[in-house]
Protein backbone atom coordinates (compact mmCIF):
# COMPACT_ATOMS: atom_id res chain seq x y z
CA MET A 1 2.99 -8.49 -18.44
CA PRO A 2 -0.11 -6.77 -20.25
CA PHE A 3 0.17 -2.97 -19.63
CA ASN A 4 -3.33 -1.81 -18.40
CA TYR A 5 -2.05 0.46 -15.81
CA ASN A 6 -1.43 4.22 -15.34
CA TYR A 7 1.67 3.78 -13.01
CA LEU A 8 3.94 0.61 -12.40
CA ASP A 9 6.98 0.55 -9.96
CA PHE A 10 9.04 -2.49 -9.03
CA TYR A 11 8.42 -3.66 -5.31
CA LYS A 12 10.32 -6.83 -4.61
CA ASP A 13 10.23 -10.47 -5.63
CA SER A 14 8.68 -9.99 -8.97
CA LEU A 15 5.69 -7.70 -7.17
CA TYR A 16 5.05 -4.53 -8.67
CA ILE A 17 2.71 -1.66 -7.24
CA ALA A 18 0.51 -0.40 -10.00
CA LYS A 19 -2.17 1.98 -10.35
CA ASP A 20 -5.26 1.01 -12.58
CA LYS A 21 -7.72 3.23 -14.81
CA TYR A 22 -9.66 4.24 -11.69
CA ASN A 23 -6.40 5.69 -10.02
CA LYS A 24 -6.61 2.88 -7.38
CA TYR A 25 -3.35 1.27 -6.09
CA GLY A 26 -2.84 -2.46 -5.66
CA PHE A 27 -0.10 -5.11 -6.17
CA ILE A 28 0.40 -7.51 -9.33
CA SER A 29 2.86 -10.34 -10.19
CA LEU A 30 5.27 -10.23 -13.12
CA SER A 31 2.53 -12.13 -15.10
CA GLY A 32 0.03 -9.53 -14.23
CA LYS A 33 -2.04 -11.44 -11.77
CA ILE A 34 -3.56 -9.34 -9.10
CA LYS A 35 -1.85 -10.17 -5.67
CA VAL A 36 -3.45 -7.17 -3.72
CA PRO A 37 -6.72 -5.68 -4.83
CA PHE A 38 -6.80 -2.05 -6.35
CA GLU A 39 -8.52 -0.45 -3.45
CA TYR A 40 -6.06 2.23 -2.08
CA ASP A 41 -5.79 5.85 -3.06
CA LEU A 42 -2.30 5.36 -2.22
CA LEU A 43 0.85 3.13 -1.54
CA VAL A 44 3.92 4.40 -0.03
CA ILE A 45 7.08 2.18 0.72
CA HIS A 46 8.79 2.80 3.82
CA GLY A 47 11.39 0.18 4.48
CA LYS A 48 9.63 -3.17 4.93
CA LEU A 49 6.35 -1.44 5.80
CA ILE A 50 3.72 0.25 3.44
CA LEU A 51 1.84 3.34 4.10
CA THR A 52 -1.82 2.86 2.77
CA ASN A 53 -4.40 5.45 2.34
CA ASN A 54 -8.15 5.36 1.64
CA GLY A 55 -9.90 8.55 1.38
CA ASP A 56 -8.60 10.84 4.39
CA LYS A 57 -7.54 7.87 6.39
CA TYR A 58 -4.28 6.10 6.51
CA GLY A 59 -3.09 2.61 7.77
CA VAL A 60 0.07 0.60 7.58
CA SER A 61 0.82 -2.94 6.03
CA LYS A 62 3.43 -5.17 5.03
CA ILE A 63 3.92 -7.94 2.38
CA THR A 64 4.14 -11.54 3.30
CA ASN A 65 4.24 -14.57 0.92
CA ASP A 66 2.75 -12.35 -1.85
CA SER A 67 -0.07 -11.14 0.37
CA MET A 68 -0.68 -7.68 2.02
CA ILE A 69 -1.21 -7.99 5.82
CA GLU A 70 -2.80 -4.98 7.76
CA ILE A 71 -0.84 -3.80 10.65
CA LEU A 72 -2.94 -0.69 11.28
CA LYS A 73 -6.17 -0.38 9.47
CA CYS A 74 -7.10 2.69 7.43
CA GLU A 75 -8.68 4.35 10.10
CA ASN A 76 -6.16 7.06 11.45
CA ASP A 77 -5.84 10.77 10.55
CA LEU A 78 -1.92 10.52 10.26
CA ILE A 79 0.95 8.26 10.48
CA TYR A 80 4.40 9.38 11.03
CA PHE A 81 7.24 7.30 10.32
CA GLU A 82 10.68 7.86 11.88
CA ASN A 83 13.45 5.26 11.34
CA SER A 84 11.81 1.76 11.70
CA SER A 85 8.72 2.77 13.89
CA ALA A 86 5.43 4.58 13.15
CA THR A 87 3.28 6.84 15.31
CA TYR A 88 -0.19 7.22 14.53
CA LYS A 89 -3.00 9.62 15.35
CA ASN A 90 -6.80 9.25 14.89
CA THR A 91 -9.20 11.77 16.05
CA LYS A 92 -9.23 10.27 19.59
CA ARG A 93 -5.60 9.62 20.43
CA TRP A 94 -2.11 10.12 19.44
């Protein structure tokens, strides 16, 4: 795998979370192929879910068959994980 990343961490099944030279996060394969575009300010693994962040907004996604599926779009002010569930808050609701 070519090492053109500021950060690299194993996720699962030969997928890696990586941070590019523009400080954006995405997923790559062991061969270096981009699986999820580098467009996130932060990706945090919580069990089978992934907390996503763009600017001051948060979302929740999961990886299925080497692609990321959005569960909640990055339009929430806060996301709180407890056990296997998530509570979210945006400017209009909790």
